[in-house]
Amino acid sequence: MSSFAKFNKKENIIPRTIEIDKNFYLILEKLSNETYDASINKLVNAAIETLVETENIKTYPKSNSYLTRTFLIRESLLNELYKLKKKYGLPIYMLVNIAIRNALIEEGITV
């Protein structure tokens, strides 16, 4: 395995404006600033990638507070989100929030 294999190959990134649970965003912001050498965009892409791989789609009670933010999502992941949208009948913003929620729970963060 190459030393560089842990990095994703370059691909198009698509700006996508998404409503995100305010609490999730604040936690991602803290993780980006204090824990990981990664931007919020990279954390979101990693969460989406895991969701696409596992299809761990579990809905949860809707939040009362959302922020609208533009994320740079890898084109391949966005295409996979559209497939999940069609398969499960859930909007993209909800799938992204589920992906983030799953990733935060995996980190041991109570959400």
PDB file of N, CA and C in Angstrom:
ATOM      1  N   MET A   1       0.840  -1.176   0.000  1.00  0.00           N
ATOM      2  CA  MET A   1       0.000   0.000   0.000  1.00  0.00           C
ATOM      3  C   MET A   1       0.886   1.241   0.000  1.00  0.00           C
ATOM      4  N   SER A   2       0.571   2.161  -0.855  1.00  0.00           N
ATOM      5  CA  SER A   2       1.327   3.391  -0.987  1.00  0.00           C
ATOM      6  C   SER A   2       1.132   4.287   0.231  1.00  0.00           C
ATOM      7  N   SER A   3       2.144   5.040   0.545  1.00  0.00           N
ATOM      8  CA  SER A   3       2.029   6.004   1.641  1.00  0.00           C
ATOM      9  C   SER A   3       0.952   7.029   1.377  1.00  0.00           C
ATOM     10  N   PHE A   4       0.686   7.276   0.112  1.00  0.00           N
ATOM     11  CA  PHE A   4      -0.285   8.294  -0.251  1.00  0.00           C
ATOM     12  C   PHE A   4      -1.681   7.743  -0.480  1.00  0.00           C
ATOM     13  N   ALA A   5      -1.868   6.450  -0.331  1.00  0.00           N
ATOM     14  CA  ALA A   5      -3.160   5.815  -0.602  1.00  0.00           C
ATOM     15  C   ALA A   5      -4.261   6.295   0.343  1.00  0.00           C
ATOM     16  N   LYS A   6      -3.883   6.838   1.494  1.00  0.00           N
ATOM     17  CA  LYS A   6      -4.899   7.305   2.439  1.00  0.00           C
ATOM     18  C   LYS A   6      -5.569   8.601   1.992  1.00  0.00           C
ATOM     19  N   PHE A   7      -4.997   9.243   0.966  1.00  0.00           N
ATOM     20  CA  PHE A   7      -5.584  10.472   0.435  1.00  0.00           C
ATOM     21  C   PHE A   7      -6.508  10.135  -0.727  1.00  0.00           C
ATOM     22  N   ASN A   8      -7.631  10.861  -0.812  1.00  0.00           N
ATOM     23  CA  ASN A   8      -8.553  10.679  -1.923  1.00  0.00           C
ATOM     24  C   ASN A   8      -7.951  11.255  -3.190  1.00  0.00           C
ATOM     25  N   LYS A   9      -8.276  10.624  -4.318  1.00  0.00           N
ATOM     26  CA  LYS A   9      -7.875  11.166  -5.613  1.00  0.00           C
ATOM     27  C   LYS A   9      -8.659  12.448  -5.858  1.00  0.00           C
ATOM     28  N   LYS A  10      -8.073  13.350  -6.607  1.00  0.00           N
ATOM     29  CA  LYS A  10      -8.765  14.604  -6.932  1.00  0.00           C
ATOM     30  C   LYS A  10     -10.011  14.309  -7.742  1.00  0.00           C
ATOM     31  N   GLU A  11     -11.075  15.014  -7.433  1.00  0.00           N
ATOM     32  CA  GLU A  11     -12.301  14.929  -8.214  1.00  0.00           C
ATOM     33  C   GLU A  11     -13.037  16.250  -8.069  1.00  0.00           C
ATOM     34  N   ASN A  12     -14.044  16.415  -8.865  1.00  0.00           N
ATOM     35  CA  ASN A  12     -14.829  17.646  -8.791  1.00  0.00           C
ATOM     36  C   ASN A  12     -15.503  17.747  -7.437  1.00  0.00           C
ATOM     37  N   ILE A  13     -15.533  18.966  -6.920  1.00  0.00           N
ATOM     38  CA  ILE A  13     -16.285  19.207  -5.700  1.00  0.00           C
ATOM     39  C   ILE A  13     -17.423  20.153  -6.058  1.00  0.00           C
ATOM     40  N   ILE A  14     -18.569  19.837  -5.513  1.00  0.00           N
ATOM     41  CA  ILE A  14     -19.776  20.576  -5.850  1.00  0.00           C
ATOM     42  C   ILE A  14     -20.232  21.365  -4.625  1.00  0.00           C
ATOM     43  N   PRO A  15     -20.364  22.675  -4.740  1.00  0.00           N
ATOM     44  CA  PRO A  15     -20.918  23.441  -3.623  1.00  0.00           C
ATOM     45  C   PRO A  15     -22.410  23.114  -3.497  1.00  0.00           C
ATOM     46  N   ARG A  16     -22.817  22.785  -2.305  1.00  0.00           N
ATOM     47  CA  ARG A  16     -24.217  22.438  -2.080  1.00  0.00           C
ATOM     48  C   ARG A  16     -24.675  23.101  -0.791  1.00  0.00           C
ATOM     49  N   THR A  17     -25.735  23.904  -0.866  1.00  0.00           N
ATOM     50  CA  THR A  17     -26.271  24.568   0.317  1.00  0.00           C
ATOM     51  C   THR A  17     -27.234  23.615   1.000  1.00  0.00           C
ATOM     52  N   ILE A  18     -26.979  23.376   2.285  1.00  0.00           N
ATOM     53  CA  ILE A  18     -27.720  22.371   3.042  1.00  0.00           C
ATOM     54  C   ILE A  18     -28.100  22.931   4.402  1.00  0.00           C
ATOM     55  N   GLU A  19     -29.313  22.620   4.831  1.00  0.00           N
ATOM     56  CA  GLU A  19     -29.718  22.936   6.201  1.00  0.00           C
ATOM     57  C   GLU A  19     -29.128  21.858   7.107  1.00  0.00           C
ATOM     58  N   ILE A  20     -28.390  22.307   8.100  1.00  0.00           N
ATOM     59  CA  ILE A  20     -27.740  21.372   9.016  1.00  0.00           C
ATOM     60  C   ILE A  20     -28.158  21.704  10.440  1.00  0.00           C
ATOM     61  N   ASP A  21     -28.349  20.684  11.215  1.00  0.00           N
ATOM     62  CA  ASP A  21     -28.694  20.849  12.618  1.00  0.00           C
ATOM     63  C   ASP A  21     -27.639  21.747  13.271  1.00  0.00           C
ATOM     64  N   LYS A  22     -28.083  22.793  13.921  1.00  0.00           N
ATOM     65  CA  LYS A  22     -27.164  23.767  14.523  1.00  0.00           C
ATOM     66  C   LYS A  22     -26.201  23.103  15.501  1.00  0.00           C
ATOM     67  N   ASN A  23     -26.695  22.189  16.333  1.00  0.00           N
ATOM     68  CA  ASN A  23     -25.825  21.512  17.305  1.00  0.00           C
ATOM     69  C   ASN A  23     -24.749  20.689  16.602  1.00  0.00           C
ATOM     70  N   PHE A  24     -25.125  19.996  15.514  1.00  0.00           N
ATOM     71  CA  PHE A  24     -24.150  19.208  14.763  1.00  0.00           C
ATOM     72  C   PHE A  24     -23.053  20.123  14.210  1.00  0.00           C
ATOM     73  N   TYR A  25     -23.467  21.261  13.656  1.00  0.00           N
ATOM     74  CA  TYR A  25     -22.501  22.181  13.067  1.00  0.00           C
ATOM     75  C   TYR A  25     -21.522  22.699  14.125  1.00  0.00           C
ATOM     76  N   LEU A  26     -22.040  23.066  15.287  1.00  0.00           N
ATOM     77  CA  LEU A  26     -21.165  23.570  16.356  1.00  0.00           C
ATOM     78  C   LEU A  26     -20.174  22.508  16.810  1.00  0.00           C
ATOM     79  N   ILE A  27     -20.618  21.263  16.865  1.00  0.00           N
ATOM     80  CA  ILE A  27     -19.708  20.173  17.251  1.00  0.00           C
ATOM     81  C   ILE A  27     -18.660  19.964  16.161  1.00  0.00           C
ATOM     82  N   LEU A  28     -19.077  19.977  14.893  1.00  0.00           N
ATOM     83  CA  LEU A  28     -18.115  19.840  13.791  1.00  0.00           C
ATOM     84  C   LEU A  28     -17.088  20.969  13.810  1.00  0.00           C
ATOM     85  N   GLU A  29     -17.559  22.171  14.105  1.00  0.00           N
ATOM     86  CA  GLU A  29     -16.662  23.326  14.182  1.00  0.00           C
ATOM     87  C   GLU A  29     -15.609  23.114  15.274  1.00  0.00           C
ATOM     88  N   LYS A  30     -16.050  22.619  16.408  1.00  0.00           N
ATOM     89  CA  LYS A  30     -15.123  22.363  17.517  1.00  0.00           C
ATOM     90  C   LYS A  30     -14.135  21.248  17.149  1.00  0.00           C
ATOM     91  N   LEU A  31     -14.637  20.174  16.534  1.00  0.00           N
ATOM     92  CA  LEU A  31     -13.753  19.076  16.127  1.00  0.00           C
ATOM     93  C   LEU A  31     -12.715  19.563  15.120  1.00  0.00           C
ATOM     94  N   SER A  32     -13.136  20.410  14.188  1.00  0.00           N
ATOM     95  CA  SER A  32     -12.235  20.934  13.179  1.00  0.00           C
ATOM     96  C   SER A  32     -11.167  21.835  13.785  1.00  0.00           C
ATOM     97  N   ASN A  33     -11.557  22.628  14.757  1.00  0.00           N
ATOM     98  CA  ASN A  33     -10.613  23.583  15.366  1.00  0.00           C
ATOM     99  C   ASN A  33      -9.711  22.969  16.426  1.00  0.00           C
ATOM    100  N   GLU A  34     -10.220  21.983  17.153  1.00  0.00           N
ATOM    101  CA  GLU A  34      -9.493  21.499  18.324  1.00  0.00           C
ATOM    102  C   GLU A  34      -8.977  20.062  18.244  1.00  0.00           C
ATOM    103  N   THR A  35      -9.577  19.231  17.392  1.00  0.00           N
ATOM    104  CA  THR A  35      -9.240  17.813  17.435  1.00  0.00           C
ATOM    105  C   THR A  35      -8.573  17.310  16.166  1.00  0.00           C
ATOM    106  N   TYR A  36      -9.152  17.611  15.030  1.00  0.00           N
ATOM    107  CA  TYR A  36      -8.683  17.042  13.771  1.00  0.00           C
ATOM    108  C   TYR A  36      -8.028  18.084  12.876  1.00  0.00           C
ATOM    109  N   ASP A  37      -7.091  17.618  12.082  1.00  0.00           N
ATOM    110  CA  ASP A  37      -6.455  18.458  11.072  1.00  0.00           C
ATOM    111  C   ASP A  37      -7.292  18.334   9.801  1.00  0.00           C
ATOM    112  N   ALA A  38      -8.523  18.811   9.895  1.00  0.00           N
ATOM    113  CA  ALA A  38      -9.473  18.706   8.781  1.00  0.00           C
ATOM    114  C   ALA A  38     -10.479  19.844   8.877  1.00  0.00           C
ATOM    115  N   SER A  39     -10.884  20.324   7.719  1.00  0.00           N
ATOM    116  CA  SER A  39     -11.916  21.361   7.673  1.00  0.00           C
ATOM    117  C   SER A  39     -13.277  20.733   7.941  1.00  0.00           C
ATOM    118  N   ILE A  40     -14.255  21.573   8.195  1.00  0.00           N
ATOM    119  CA  ILE A  40     -15.625  21.088   8.372  1.00  0.00           C
ATOM    120  C   ILE A  40     -16.074  20.370   7.109  1.00  0.00           C
ATOM    121  N   ASN A  41     -15.726  20.900   5.941  1.00  0.00           N
ATOM    122  CA  ASN A  41     -16.074  20.238   4.679  1.00  0.00           C
ATOM    123  C   ASN A  41     -15.531  18.818   4.614  1.00  0.00           C
ATOM    124  N   LYS A  42     -14.289  18.637   5.022  1.00  0.00           N
ATOM    125  CA  LYS A  42     -13.691  17.293   4.993  1.00  0.00           C
ATOM    126  C   LYS A  42     -14.361  16.367   5.997  1.00  0.00           C
ATOM    127  N   LEU A  43     -14.727  16.897   7.148  1.00  0.00           N
ATOM    128  CA  LEU A  43     -15.441  16.077   8.136  1.00  0.00           C
ATOM    129  C   LEU A  43     -16.804  15.650   7.596  1.00  0.00           C
ATOM    130  N   VAL A  44     -17.488  16.568   6.944  1.00  0.00           N
ATOM    131  CA  VAL A  44     -18.803  16.254   6.365  1.00  0.00           C
ATOM    132  C   VAL A  44     -18.648  15.216   5.256  1.00  0.00           C
ATOM    133  N   ASN A  45     -17.656  15.378   4.394  1.00  0.00           N
ATOM    134  CA  ASN A  45     -17.430  14.402   3.332  1.00  0.00           C
ATOM    135  C   ASN A  45     -17.108  13.022   3.896  1.00  0.00           C
ATOM    136  N   ALA A  46     -16.324  12.971   4.954  1.00  0.00           N
ATOM    137  CA  ALA A  46     -15.993  11.686   5.582  1.00  0.00           C
ATOM    138  C   ALA A  46     -17.249  11.029   6.151  1.00  0.00           C
ATOM    139  N   ALA A  47     -18.109  11.827   6.771  1.00  0.00           N
ATOM    140  CA  ALA A  47     -19.356  11.300   7.327  1.00  0.00           C
ATOM    141  C   ALA A  47     -20.261  10.767   6.217  1.00  0.00           C
ATOM    142  N   ILE A  48     -20.357  11.505   5.117  1.00  0.00           N
ATOM    143  CA  ILE A  48     -21.179  11.070   3.986  1.00  0.00           C
ATOM    144  C   ILE A  48     -20.606   9.782   3.388  1.00  0.00           C
ATOM    145  N   GLU A  49     -19.293   9.721   3.262  1.00  0.00           N
ATOM    146  CA  GLU A  49     -18.654   8.531   2.697  1.00  0.00           C
ATOM    147  C   GLU A  49     -18.990   7.287   3.517  1.00  0.00           C
ATOM    148  N   THR A  50     -18.960   7.415   4.828  1.00  0.00           N
ATOM    149  CA  THR A  50     -19.309   6.289   5.696  1.00  0.00           C
ATOM    150  C   THR A  50     -20.782   5.918   5.537  1.00  0.00           C
ATOM    151  N   LEU A  51     -21.649   6.917   5.452  1.00  0.00           N
ATOM    152  CA  LEU A  51     -23.075   6.640   5.263  1.00  0.00           C
ATOM    153  C   LEU A  51     -23.322   5.899   3.949  1.00  0.00           C
ATOM    154  N   VAL A  52     -22.651   6.327   2.903  1.00  0.00           N
ATOM    155  CA  VAL A  52     -22.799   5.689   1.596  1.00  0.00           C
ATOM    156  C   VAL A  52     -22.338   4.226   1.660  1.00  0.00           C
ATOM    157  N   GLU A  53     -21.233   3.988   2.363  1.00  0.00           N
ATOM    158  CA  GLU A  53     -20.699   2.629   2.477  1.00  0.00           C
ATOM    159  C   GLU A  53     -21.595   1.727   3.319  1.00  0.00           C
ATOM    160  N   THR A  54     -22.128   2.247   4.420  1.00  0.00           N
ATOM    161  CA  THR A  54     -22.875   1.418   5.370  1.00  0.00           C
ATOM    162  C   THR A  54     -24.381   1.436   5.152  1.00  0.00           C
ATOM    163  N   GLU A  55     -24.877   2.496   4.533  1.00  0.00           N
ATOM    164  CA  GLU A  55     -26.327   2.721   4.397  1.00  0.00           C
ATOM    165  C   GLU A  55     -27.025   2.608   5.755  1.00  0.00           C
ATOM    166  N   ASN A  56     -26.367   3.121   6.779  1.00  0.00           N
ATOM    167  CA  ASN A  56     -26.928   3.138   8.134  1.00  0.00           C
ATOM    168  C   ASN A  56     -27.878   4.331   8.248  1.00  0.00           C
ATOM    169  N   ILE A  57     -29.065   4.171   7.667  1.00  0.00           N
ATOM    170  CA  ILE A  57     -30.053   5.247   7.596  1.00  0.00           C
ATOM    171  C   ILE A  57     -31.051   5.061   8.732  1.00  0.00           C
ATOM    172  N   LYS A  58     -30.872   5.828   9.786  1.00  0.00           N
ATOM    173  CA  LYS A  58     -31.798   5.804  10.916  1.00  0.00           C
ATOM    174  C   LYS A  58     -32.267   7.227  11.162  1.00  0.00           C
ATOM    175  N   THR A  59     -33.572   7.432  10.972  1.00  0.00           N
ATOM    176  CA  THR A  59     -34.094   8.774  11.208  1.00  0.00           C
ATOM    177  C   THR A  59     -34.137   9.043  12.709  1.00  0.00           C
ATOM    178  N   TYR A  60     -34.224  10.295  13.058  1.00  0.00           N
ATOM    179  CA  TYR A  60     -34.248  10.726  14.456  1.00  0.00           C
ATOM    180  C   TYR A  60     -35.185  11.923  14.550  1.00  0.00           C
ATOM    181  N   PRO A  61     -35.600  12.287  15.760  1.00  0.00           N
ATOM    182  CA  PRO A  61     -36.505  13.448  15.887  1.00  0.00           C
ATOM    183  C   PRO A  61     -35.875  14.706  15.296  1.00  0.00           C
ATOM    184  N   LYS A  62     -36.662  15.440  14.546  1.00  0.00           N
ATOM    185  CA  LYS A  62     -36.183  16.647  13.878  1.00  0.00           C
ATOM    186  C   LYS A  62     -35.816  17.724  14.893  1.00  0.00           C
ATOM    187  N   SER A  63     -34.732  18.414  14.601  1.00  0.00           N
ATOM    188  CA  SER A  63     -34.257  19.504  15.441  1.00  0.00           C
ATOM    189  C   SER A  63     -35.143  20.737  15.256  1.00  0.00           C
ATOM    190  N   ASN A  64     -35.106  21.602  16.232  1.00  0.00           N
ATOM    191  CA  ASN A  64     -35.834  22.866  16.138  1.00  0.00           C
ATOM    192  C   ASN A  64     -34.971  23.971  15.544  1.00  0.00           C
ATOM    193  N   SER A  65     -33.673  23.704  15.425  1.00  0.00           N
ATOM    194  CA  SER A  65     -32.750  24.763  15.037  1.00  0.00           C
ATOM    195  C   SER A  65     -31.807  24.283  13.929  1.00  0.00           C
ATOM    196  N   TYR A  66     -31.923  24.899  12.762  1.00  0.00           N
ATOM    197  CA  TYR A  66     -31.069  24.569  11.628  1.00  0.00           C
ATOM    198  C   TYR A  66     -30.324  25.802  11.151  1.00  0.00           C
ATOM    199  N   LEU A  67     -29.128  25.562  10.619  1.00  0.00           N
ATOM    200  CA  LEU A  67     -28.341  26.603   9.969  1.00  0.00           C
ATOM    201  C   LEU A  67     -28.254  26.245   8.491  1.00  0.00           C
ATOM    202  N   THR A  68     -28.233  27.218   7.644  1.00  0.00           N
ATOM    203  CA  THR A  68     -28.023  26.966   6.228  1.00  0.00           C
ATOM    204  C   THR A  68     -26.563  27.261   5.913  1.00  0.00           C
ATOM    205  N   ARG A  69     -25.868  26.251   5.430  1.00  0.00           N
ATOM    206  CA  ARG A  69     -24.447  26.380   5.125  1.00  0.00           C
ATOM    207  C   ARG A  69     -24.167  25.761   3.762  1.00  0.00           C
ATOM    208  N   THR A  70     -23.158  26.257   3.098  1.00  0.00           N
ATOM    209  CA  THR A  70     -22.728  25.684   1.836  1.00  0.00           C
ATOM    210  C   THR A  70     -21.516  24.808   2.096  1.00  0.00           C
ATOM    211  N   PHE A  71     -21.626  23.549   1.691  1.00  0.00           N
ATOM    212  CA  PHE A  71     -20.546  22.588   1.844  1.00  0.00           C
ATOM    213  C   PHE A  71     -20.012  22.217   0.473  1.00  0.00           C
ATOM    214  N   LEU A  72     -18.734  21.899   0.410  1.00  0.00           N
ATOM    215  CA  LEU A  72     -18.107  21.430  -0.821  1.00  0.00           C
ATOM    216  C   LEU A  72     -18.074  19.911  -0.740  1.00  0.00           C
ATOM    217  N   ILE A  73     -18.962  19.278  -1.495  1.00  0.00           N
ATOM    218  CA  ILE A  73     -19.122  17.829  -1.425  1.00  0.00           C
ATOM    219  C   ILE A  73     -18.516  17.203  -2.676  1.00  0.00           C
ATOM    220  N   ARG A  74     -17.748  16.133  -2.472  1.00  0.00           N
ATOM    221  CA  ARG A  74     -17.167  15.427  -3.609  1.00  0.00           C
ATOM    222  C   ARG A  74     -18.275  14.933  -4.534  1.00  0.00           C
ATOM    223  N   GLU A  75     -18.069  15.085  -5.823  1.00  0.00           N
ATOM    224  CA  GLU A  75     -19.097  14.746  -6.810  1.00  0.00           C
ATOM    225  C   GLU A  75     -19.563  13.293  -6.683  1.00  0.00           C
ATOM    226  N   SER A  76     -18.641  12.370  -6.474  1.00  0.00           N
ATOM    227  CA  SER A  76     -19.027  10.961  -6.361  1.00  0.00           C
ATOM    228  C   SER A  76     -19.941  10.739  -5.159  1.00  0.00           C
ATOM    229  N   LEU A  77     -19.673  11.441  -4.069  1.00  0.00           N
ATOM    230  CA  LEU A  77     -20.516  11.297  -2.876  1.00  0.00           C
ATOM    231  C   LEU A  77     -21.886  11.913  -3.093  1.00  0.00           C
ATOM    232  N   LEU A  78     -21.926  13.038  -3.786  1.00  0.00           N
ATOM    233  CA  LEU A  78     -23.211  13.670  -4.079  1.00  0.00           C
ATOM    234  C   LEU A  78     -24.063  12.755  -4.962  1.00  0.00           C
ATOM    235  N   ASN A  79     -23.432  12.106  -5.934  1.00  0.00           N
ATOM    236  CA  ASN A  79     -24.158  11.153  -6.781  1.00  0.00           C
ATOM    237  C   ASN A  79     -24.715  10.005  -5.949  1.00  0.00           C
ATOM    238  N   GLU A  80     -23.940   9.524  -5.009  1.00  0.00           N
ATOM    239  CA  GLU A  80     -24.403   8.438  -4.136  1.00  0.00           C
ATOM    240  C   GLU A  80     -25.534   8.911  -3.224  1.00  0.00           C
ATOM    241  N   LEU A  81     -25.465  10.162  -2.773  1.00  0.00           N
ATOM    242  CA  LEU A  81     -26.558  10.708  -1.965  1.00  0.00           C
ATOM    243  C   LEU A  81     -27.862  10.741  -2.763  1.00  0.00           C
ATOM    244  N   TYR A  82     -27.775  11.078  -4.041  1.00  0.00           N
ATOM    245  CA  TYR A  82     -28.973  11.081  -4.881  1.00  0.00           C
ATOM    246  C   TYR A  82     -29.556   9.672  -5.010  1.00  0.00           C
ATOM    247  N   LYS A  83     -28.687   8.668  -5.067  1.00  0.00           N
ATOM    248  CA  LYS A  83     -29.167   7.276  -5.118  1.00  0.00           C
ATOM    249  C   LYS A  83     -29.872   6.911  -3.811  1.00  0.00           C
ATOM    250  N   LEU A  84     -29.276   7.319  -2.677  1.00  0.00           N
ATOM    251  CA  LEU A  84     -29.906   7.040  -1.379  1.00  0.00           C
ATOM    252  C   LEU A  84     -31.225   7.797  -1.252  1.00  0.00           C
ATOM    253  N   LYS A  85     -31.268   9.008  -1.781  1.00  0.00           N
ATOM    254  CA  LYS A  85     -32.500   9.799  -1.752  1.00  0.00           C
ATOM    255  C   LYS A  85     -33.617   9.050  -2.468  1.00  0.00           C
ATOM    256  N   LYS A  86     -33.296   8.526  -3.618  1.00  0.00           N
ATOM    257  CA  LYS A  86     -34.287   7.788  -4.401  1.00  0.00           C
ATOM    258  C   LYS A  86     -34.683   6.496  -3.687  1.00  0.00           C
ATOM    259  N   LYS A  87     -33.723   5.799  -3.129  1.00  0.00           N
ATOM    260  CA  LYS A  87     -33.971   4.507  -2.479  1.00  0.00           C
ATOM    261  C   LYS A  87     -34.806   4.650  -1.208  1.00  0.00           C
ATOM    262  N   TYR A  88     -34.484   5.663  -0.374  1.00  0.00           N
ATOM    263  CA  TYR A  88     -35.138   5.809   0.928  1.00  0.00           C
ATOM    264  C   TYR A  88     -36.202   6.903   0.972  1.00  0.00           C
ATOM    265  N   GLY A  89     -36.288   7.716  -0.072  1.00  0.00           N
ATOM    266  CA  GLY A  89     -37.286   8.782  -0.102  1.00  0.00           C
ATOM    267  C   GLY A  89     -37.025   9.899   0.889  1.00  0.00           C
ATOM    268  N   LEU A  90     -35.751  10.125   1.197  1.00  0.00           N
ATOM    269  CA  LEU A  90     -35.371  11.175   2.145  1.00  0.00           C
ATOM    270  C   LEU A  90     -34.647  12.290   1.407  1.00  0.00           C
ATOM    271  N   PRO A  91     -34.865  13.547   1.805  1.00  0.00           N
ATOM    272  CA  PRO A  91     -34.167  14.656   1.143  1.00  0.00           C
ATOM    273  C   PRO A  91     -32.664  14.631   1.462  1.00  0.00           C
ATOM    274  N   ILE A  92     -31.895  15.240   0.584  1.00  0.00           N
ATOM    275  CA  ILE A  92     -30.433  15.282   0.727  1.00  0.00           C
ATOM    276  C   ILE A  92     -30.026  15.868   2.076  1.00  0.00           C
ATOM    277  N   TYR A  93     -30.669  16.977   2.491  1.00  0.00           N
ATOM    278  CA  TYR A  93     -30.256  17.607   3.755  1.00  0.00           C
ATOM    279  C   TYR A  93     -30.433  16.636   4.919  1.00  0.00           C
ATOM    280  N   MET A  94     -31.483  15.815   4.873  1.00  0.00           N
ATOM    281  CA  MET A  94     -31.713  14.864   5.952  1.00  0.00           C
ATOM    282  C   MET A  94     -30.656  13.754   5.937  1.00  0.00           C
ATOM    283  N   LEU A  95     -30.305  13.282   4.744  1.00  0.00           N
ATOM    284  CA  LEU A  95     -29.264  12.257   4.636  1.00  0.00           C
ATOM    285  C   LEU A  95     -27.928  12.772   5.162  1.00  0.00           C
ATOM    286  N   VAL A  96     -27.607  14.030   4.853  1.00  0.00           N
ATOM    287  CA  VAL A  96     -26.350  14.617   5.343  1.00  0.00           C
ATOM    288  C   VAL A  96     -26.388  14.738   6.863  1.00  0.00           C
ATOM    289  N   ASN A  97     -27.506  15.169   7.412  1.00  0.00           N
ATOM    290  CA  ASN A  97     -27.629  15.266   8.870  1.00  0.00           C
ATOM    291  C   ASN A  97     -27.535  13.895   9.525  1.00  0.00           C
ATOM    292  N   ILE A  98     -28.126  12.878   8.911  1.00  0.00           N
ATOM    293  CA  ILE A  98     -28.019  11.508   9.438  1.00  0.00           C
ATOM    294  C   ILE A  98     -26.563  11.059   9.400  1.00  0.00           C
ATOM    295  N   ALA A  99     -25.871  11.358   8.308  1.00  0.00           N
ATOM    296  CA  ALA A  99     -24.456  10.986   8.185  1.00  0.00           C
ATOM    297  C   ALA A  99     -23.620  11.632   9.284  1.00  0.00           C
ATOM    298  N   ILE A 100     -23.855  12.917   9.523  1.00  0.00           N
ATOM    299  CA  ILE A 100     -23.101  13.636  10.558  1.00  0.00           C
ATOM    300  C   ILE A 100     -23.445  13.077  11.934  1.00  0.00           C
ATOM    301  N   ARG A 101     -24.713  12.866  12.177  1.00  0.00           N
ATOM    302  CA  ARG A 101     -25.145  12.318  13.467  1.00  0.00           C
ATOM    303  C   ARG A 101     -24.480  10.968  13.722  1.00  0.00           C
ATOM    304  N   ASN A 102     -24.486  10.094  12.710  1.00  0.00           N
ATOM    305  CA  ASN A 102     -23.851   8.783  12.848  1.00  0.00           C
ATOM    306  C   ASN A 102     -22.363   8.927  13.175  1.00  0.00           C
ATOM    307  N   ALA A 103     -21.699   9.847  12.480  1.00  0.00           N
ATOM    308  CA  ALA A 103     -20.260  10.052  12.706  1.00  0.00           C
ATOM    309  C   ALA A 103     -19.997  10.571  14.116  1.00  0.00           C
ATOM    310  N   LEU A 104     -20.828  11.474  14.589  1.00  0.00           N
ATOM    311  CA  LEU A 104     -20.642  12.017  15.941  1.00  0.00           C
ATOM    312  C   LEU A 104     -20.878  10.926  16.992  1.00  0.00           C
ATOM    313  N   ILE A 105     -21.881  10.110  16.785  1.00  0.00           N
ATOM    314  CA  ILE A 105     -22.147   9.002  17.715  1.00  0.00           C
ATOM    315  C   ILE A 105     -20.960   8.040  17.700  1.00  0.00           C
ATOM    316  N   GLU A 106     -20.429   7.770  16.520  1.00  0.00           N
ATOM    317  CA  GLU A 106     -19.264   6.894  16.387  1.00  0.00           C
ATOM    318  C   GLU A 106     -18.057   7.457  17.146  1.00  0.00           C
ATOM    319  N   GLU A 107     -17.965   8.783  17.221  1.00  0.00           N
ATOM    320  CA  GLU A 107     -16.889   9.455  17.951  1.00  0.00           C
ATOM    321  C   GLU A 107     -17.122   9.402  19.474  1.00  0.00           C
ATOM    322  N   GLY A 108     -18.296   8.921  19.881  1.00  0.00           N
ATOM    323  CA  GLY A 108     -18.613   8.871  21.292  1.00  0.00           C
ATOM    324  C   GLY A 108     -19.208  10.171  21.817  1.00  0.00           C
ATOM    325  N   ILE A 109     -19.693  10.995  20.889  1.00  0.00           N
ATOM    326  CA  ILE A 109     -20.294  12.280  21.273  1.00  0.00           C
ATOM    327  C   ILE A 109     -21.801  12.099  21.387  1.00  0.00           C
ATOM    328  N   THR A 110     -22.355  12.522  22.494  1.00  0.00           N
ATOM    329  CA  THR A 110     -23.786  12.430  22.702  1.00  0.00           C
ATOM    330  C   THR A 110     -24.481  13.535  21.912  1.00  0.00           C
ATOM    331  N   VAL A 111     -25.432  13.131  21.079  1.00  0.00           N
ATOM    332  CA  VAL A 111     -26.172  14.109  20.267  1.00  0.00           C
ATOM    333  C   VAL A 111     -27.656  13.997  20.534  1.00  0.00           C
TER     334      VAL A 111
END
